[in-house]
Amino acid sequence: TSVHWHGILLPFYMDGVPYVNTPPIFPGESFTYKFKVRQNGTFWYHS
């Protein structure tokens, strides 16, 4: 699992495409997404 963001400017390795640019988050593991929000508006994300 991962989180995939739409429209949010963030580091490429947090984009949420497992095995492409983001390591997958396996059951029982966690990953903290920490980045500066550089724009405002309405955006969405999904896992």
C-alpha atoms as a PDB file:
ATOM      1  CA  THR A   1       0.000   0.000   0.000  1.00  0.00           C
ATOM      2  CA  SER A   2       0.977   3.631  -0.439  1.00  0.00           C
ATOM      3  CA  VAL A   3      -0.704   7.008  -0.740  1.00  0.00           C
ATOM      4  CA  HIS A   4      -0.964   8.579  -4.204  1.00  0.00           C
ATOM      5  CA  TRP A   5      -1.524  12.334  -4.357  1.00  0.00           C
ATOM      6  CA  HIS A   6      -3.132  14.358  -7.162  1.00  0.00           C
ATOM      7  CA  GLY A   7      -2.023  17.945  -7.698  1.00  0.00           C
ATOM      8  CA  ILE A   8       0.183  18.204  -4.609  1.00  0.00           C
ATOM      9  CA  LEU A   9       3.781  19.287  -5.227  1.00  0.00           C
ATOM     10  CA  LEU A  10       5.971  16.970  -3.168  1.00  0.00           C
ATOM     11  CA  PRO A  11       9.226  15.006  -3.424  1.00  0.00           C
ATOM     12  CA  PHE A  12       9.120  12.389  -6.207  1.00  0.00           C
ATOM     13  CA  TYR A  13       9.706   9.468  -3.825  1.00  0.00           C
ATOM     14  CA  MET A  14       6.447  10.318  -2.009  1.00  0.00           C
ATOM     15  CA  ASP A  15       4.245  10.184  -5.127  1.00  0.00           C
ATOM     16  CA  GLY A  16       2.889   6.793  -4.140  1.00  0.00           C
ATOM     17  CA  VAL A  17       3.508   4.524  -7.114  1.00  0.00           C
ATOM     18  CA  PRO A  18       4.895   1.360  -5.453  1.00  0.00           C
ATOM     19  CA  TYR A  19       8.033  -0.114  -7.034  1.00  0.00           C
ATOM     20  CA  VAL A  20       8.301   2.826  -9.481  1.00  0.00           C
ATOM     21  CA  ASN A  21       9.235   5.799  -7.315  1.00  0.00           C
ATOM     22  CA  THR A  22       7.971   4.838  -3.855  1.00  0.00           C
ATOM     23  CA  PRO A  23       8.860   1.795  -1.762  1.00  0.00           C
ATOM     24  CA  PRO A  24       5.681  -0.142  -0.884  1.00  0.00           C
ATOM     25  CA  ILE A  25       4.380  -0.051   2.687  1.00  0.00           C
ATOM     26  CA  PHE A  26       3.936  -3.665   3.740  1.00  0.00           C
ATOM     27  CA  PRO A  27       1.414  -4.891   6.344  1.00  0.00           C
ATOM     28  CA  GLY A  28       2.613  -4.023   9.831  1.00  0.00           C
ATOM     29  CA  GLU A  29       4.979  -1.316   8.533  1.00  0.00           C
ATOM     30  CA  SER A  30       4.510   2.443   8.416  1.00  0.00           C
ATOM     31  CA  PHE A  31       5.864   5.445   6.546  1.00  0.00           C
ATOM     32  CA  THR A  32       5.574   9.059   7.630  1.00  0.00           C
ATOM     33  CA  TYR A  33       4.919  11.502   4.806  1.00  0.00           C
ATOM     34  CA  LYS A  34       6.553  14.791   5.765  1.00  0.00           C
ATOM     35  CA  PHE A  35       6.785  17.638   3.266  1.00  0.00           C
ATOM     36  CA  LYS A  36       6.081  21.348   3.010  1.00  0.00           C
ATOM     37  CA  VAL A  37       2.792  22.268   1.378  1.00  0.00           C
ATOM     38  CA  ARG A  38       3.663  24.883  -1.243  1.00  0.00           C
ATOM     39  CA  GLN A  39       0.266  25.623  -2.756  1.00  0.00           C
ATOM     40  CA  ASN A  40      -3.354  25.940  -1.723  1.00  0.00           C
ATOM     41  CA  GLY A  41      -6.505  24.605  -3.309  1.00  0.00           C
ATOM     42  CA  THR A  42      -8.606  21.462  -3.437  1.00  0.00           C
ATOM     43  CA  PHE A  43      -6.687  18.239  -3.999  1.00  0.00           C
ATOM     44  CA  TRP A  44      -7.306  14.551  -3.480  1.00  0.00           C
ATOM     45  CA  TYR A  45      -5.391  11.421  -2.635  1.00  0.00           C
ATOM     46  CA  HIS A  46      -6.020   7.689  -2.396  1.00  0.00           C
ATOM     47  CA  SER A  47      -4.248   4.536  -1.313  1.00  0.00           C
END
